[in-house]
């Protein structure tokens, strides 16, 4: 059984920062890829950033240079540092763990960027 719990969302002004956290309840965490996705109203869920167990990262073009994904294997945590936030970053953000052929999702955390 895998459980993921996101936290850290909220309301922030344009140009501001937020740090999202994803806590994983799983026996083995370090070897599994983690990803952050987001879904805005009326839009499909999209990949924001991903990180492998060894730390290789990948970012959507829209967030490169502004967002940073990281993980802390000893704590079974994944993070998404979001800087220079824009109104178009407003969405529900989800973390995902890929384990074998299965994907596991958290319940999501709302990020709203507005003045």
C-alpha atoms as a PDB file:
ATOM      1  CA  UNK A   1       0.000   0.000   0.000  1.00  0.00           C
ATOM      2  CA  UNK A   2       1.347   3.396  -1.008  1.00  0.00           C
ATOM      3  CA  UNK A   3       0.015   6.637   0.411  1.00  0.00           C
ATOM      4  CA  UNK A   4       1.162  10.069  -0.655  1.00  0.00           C
ATOM      5  CA  UNK A   5       0.259  13.270   1.162  1.00  0.00           C
ATOM      6  CA  UNK A   6       0.941  16.684  -0.315  1.00  0.00           C
ATOM      7  CA  UNK A   7       1.178  19.885   1.664  1.00  0.00           C
ATOM      8  CA  UNK A   8       2.384  23.451   1.260  1.00  0.00           C
ATOM      9  CA  UNK A   9      -0.132  24.875  -1.161  1.00  0.00           C
ATOM     10  CA  UNK A  10      -1.849  28.192  -0.672  1.00  0.00           C
ATOM     11  CA  UNK A  11      -2.481  31.670  -2.003  1.00  0.00           C
ATOM     12  CA  UNK A  12       0.540  33.664  -3.137  1.00  0.00           C
ATOM     13  CA  UNK A  13       1.054  36.870  -5.072  1.00  0.00           C
ATOM     14  CA  UNK A  14       2.665  36.857  -8.513  1.00  0.00           C
ATOM     15  CA  UNK A  15       6.418  36.699  -8.146  1.00  0.00           C
ATOM     16  CA  UNK A  16       6.151  34.881  -4.848  1.00  0.00           C
ATOM     17  CA  UNK A  17       7.362  31.450  -3.789  1.00  0.00           C
ATOM     18  CA  UNK A  18       5.925  28.277  -2.331  1.00  0.00           C
ATOM     19  CA  UNK A  19       7.422  24.956  -1.367  1.00  0.00           C
ATOM     20  CA  UNK A  20       5.306  21.868  -1.809  1.00  0.00           C
ATOM     21  CA  UNK A  21       6.047  18.696   0.118  1.00  0.00           C
ATOM     22  CA  UNK A  22       5.006  15.116  -0.547  1.00  0.00           C
ATOM     23  CA  UNK A  23       5.258  12.578   2.252  1.00  0.00           C
ATOM     24  CA  UNK A  24       5.271   8.945   1.187  1.00  0.00           C
ATOM     25  CA  UNK A  25       4.054   6.075   3.317  1.00  0.00           C
ATOM     26  CA  UNK A  26       5.848   3.215   1.636  1.00  0.00           C
ATOM     27  CA  UNK A  27       8.331   0.567   2.638  1.00  0.00           C
ATOM     28  CA  UNK A  28      10.923   1.408   0.001  1.00  0.00           C
ATOM     29  CA  UNK A  29      11.079   4.972  -1.311  1.00  0.00           C
ATOM     30  CA  UNK A  30      14.559   5.647  -2.620  1.00  0.00           C
ATOM     31  CA  UNK A  31      14.430   3.650  -5.844  1.00  0.00           C
ATOM     32  CA  UNK A  32      11.102   4.887  -7.187  1.00  0.00           C
ATOM     33  CA  UNK A  33      10.695   7.873  -9.515  1.00  0.00           C
ATOM     34  CA  UNK A  34       8.625  10.738  -8.159  1.00  0.00           C
ATOM     35  CA  UNK A  35       6.788  13.390 -10.098  1.00  0.00           C
ATOM     36  CA  UNK A  36       4.838  16.575  -9.560  1.00  0.00           C
ATOM     37  CA  UNK A  37       1.850  17.195 -11.792  1.00  0.00           C
ATOM     38  CA  UNK A  38      -0.743  19.938 -11.898  1.00  0.00           C
ATOM     39  CA  UNK A  39      -4.269  20.332 -13.145  1.00  0.00           C
ATOM     40  CA  UNK A  40      -5.955  23.656 -13.764  1.00  0.00           C
ATOM     41  CA  UNK A  41      -9.748  23.950 -14.147  1.00  0.00           C
ATOM     42  CA  UNK A  42     -10.855  22.731 -17.546  1.00  0.00           C
ATOM     43  CA  UNK A  43      -7.405  21.455 -18.440  1.00  0.00           C
ATOM     44  CA  UNK A  44      -5.712  18.088 -18.480  1.00  0.00           C
ATOM     45  CA  UNK A  45      -3.283  17.073 -15.791  1.00  0.00           C
ATOM     46  CA  UNK A  46       0.254  17.873 -16.887  1.00  0.00           C
ATOM     47  CA  UNK A  47       3.725  16.946 -15.763  1.00  0.00           C
ATOM     48  CA  UNK A  48       5.570  19.718 -13.964  1.00  0.00           C
ATOM     49  CA  UNK A  49       8.749  17.968 -12.874  1.00  0.00           C
ATOM     50  CA  UNK A  50      10.084  14.508 -12.178  1.00  0.00           C
ATOM     51  CA  UNK A  51      13.033  12.997 -10.361  1.00  0.00           C
ATOM     52  CA  UNK A  52      14.455   9.505 -10.504  1.00  0.00           C
ATOM     53  CA  UNK A  53      15.682   7.558  -7.520  1.00  0.00           C
ATOM     54  CA  UNK A  54      19.242   8.556  -8.383  1.00  0.00           C
ATOM     55  CA  UNK A  55      18.331  12.227  -8.649  1.00  0.00           C
ATOM     56  CA  UNK A  56      18.036  12.851 -12.380  1.00  0.00           C
ATOM     57  CA  UNK A  57      15.468  15.563 -12.977  1.00  0.00           C
ATOM     58  CA  UNK A  58      13.199  16.683 -15.762  1.00  0.00           C
ATOM     59  CA  UNK A  59      11.075  19.819 -16.048  1.00  0.00           C
ATOM     60  CA  UNK A  60       8.267  21.106 -18.183  1.00  0.00           C
ATOM     61  CA  UNK A  61       9.445  23.989 -20.344  1.00  0.00           C
ATOM     62  CA  UNK A  62       6.963  26.298 -18.656  1.00  0.00           C
ATOM     63  CA  UNK A  63       8.650  25.952 -15.250  1.00  0.00           C
ATOM     64  CA  UNK A  64      12.333  25.582 -16.160  1.00  0.00           C
ATOM     65  CA  UNK A  65      14.459  28.022 -14.230  1.00  0.00           C
ATOM     66  CA  UNK A  66      11.667  28.739 -11.736  1.00  0.00           C
ATOM     67  CA  UNK A  67      10.812  25.393 -10.123  1.00  0.00           C
ATOM     68  CA  UNK A  68      13.141  22.875  -8.488  1.00  0.00           C
ATOM     69  CA  UNK A  69      12.234  19.283  -7.666  1.00  0.00           C
ATOM     70  CA  UNK A  70      14.147  17.415  -4.994  1.00  0.00           C
ATOM     71  CA  UNK A  71      13.834  14.409  -2.748  1.00  0.00           C
ATOM     72  CA  UNK A  72      15.050  13.364   0.668  1.00  0.00           C
ATOM     73  CA  UNK A  73      15.132   9.578   0.609  1.00  0.00           C
ATOM     74  CA  UNK A  74      15.894   9.104   4.297  1.00  0.00           C
ATOM     75  CA  UNK A  75      12.693  10.975   5.153  1.00  0.00           C
ATOM     76  CA  UNK A  76      10.680   9.533   2.242  1.00  0.00           C
ATOM     77  CA  UNK A  77       9.877  13.047   1.068  1.00  0.00           C
ATOM     78  CA  UNK A  78       9.719  14.822  -2.271  1.00  0.00           C
ATOM     79  CA  UNK A  79       9.618  18.574  -2.705  1.00  0.00           C
ATOM     80  CA  UNK A  80       8.791  21.163  -5.306  1.00  0.00           C
ATOM     81  CA  UNK A  81      10.275  24.605  -4.746  1.00  0.00           C
ATOM     82  CA  UNK A  82       8.351  27.119  -6.823  1.00  0.00           C
ATOM     83  CA  UNK A  83       9.773  30.590  -7.356  1.00  0.00           C
ATOM     84  CA  UNK A  84       8.688  33.529  -9.508  1.00  0.00           C
ATOM     85  CA  UNK A  85       5.161  32.209  -9.517  1.00  0.00           C
ATOM     86  CA  UNK A  86       2.771  33.371 -12.215  1.00  0.00           C
ATOM     87  CA  UNK A  87      -1.027  33.404 -12.340  1.00  0.00           C
ATOM     88  CA  UNK A  88      -0.853  30.643 -14.940  1.00  0.00           C
ATOM     89  CA  UNK A  89       0.752  28.383 -12.314  1.00  0.00           C
ATOM     90  CA  UNK A  90      -2.593  28.278 -10.506  1.00  0.00           C
ATOM     91  CA  UNK A  91      -3.703  24.659 -10.286  1.00  0.00           C
ATOM     92  CA  UNK A  92      -4.079  21.679  -8.020  1.00  0.00           C
ATOM     93  CA  UNK A  93      -0.661  20.095  -7.643  1.00  0.00           C
ATOM     94  CA  UNK A  94      -0.303  16.339  -7.239  1.00  0.00           C
ATOM     95  CA  UNK A  95       2.648  14.151  -6.454  1.00  0.00           C
ATOM     96  CA  UNK A  96       3.013  10.756  -8.037  1.00  0.00           C
ATOM     97  CA  UNK A  97       5.127   7.723  -7.316  1.00  0.00           C
ATOM     98  CA  UNK A  98       5.845   5.190 -10.032  1.00  0.00           C
ATOM     99  CA  UNK A  99       6.432   1.714  -8.693  1.00  0.00           C
ATOM    100  CA  UNK A 100       6.796  -1.016 -11.257  1.00  0.00           C
ATOM    101  CA  UNK A 101       3.825  -0.798 -13.606  1.00  0.00           C
ATOM    102  CA  UNK A 102       1.696   1.122 -11.101  1.00  0.00           C
ATOM    103  CA  UNK A 103       1.331   4.821 -10.410  1.00  0.00           C
ATOM    104  CA  UNK A 104       0.206   6.185  -7.063  1.00  0.00           C
ATOM    105  CA  UNK A 105      -1.188   9.676  -6.552  1.00  0.00           C
ATOM    106  CA  UNK A 106      -1.715  11.994  -3.641  1.00  0.00           C
ATOM    107  CA  UNK A 107      -4.927  13.910  -3.102  1.00  0.00           C
ATOM    108  CA  UNK A 108      -3.477  17.196  -4.343  1.00  0.00           C
ATOM    109  CA  UNK A 109      -2.838  20.629  -2.896  1.00  0.00           C
ATOM    110  CA  UNK A 110      -4.234  23.875  -4.291  1.00  0.00           C
ATOM    111  CA  UNK A 111      -1.862  26.590  -5.447  1.00  0.00           C
ATOM    112  CA  UNK A 112      -3.406  29.935  -6.318  1.00  0.00           C
ATOM    113  CA  UNK A 113      -1.299  32.769  -7.702  1.00  0.00           C
ATOM    114  CA  UNK A 114      -3.220  36.014  -7.602  1.00  0.00           C
ATOM    115  CA  UNK A 115      -2.874  39.605  -6.507  1.00  0.00           C
END
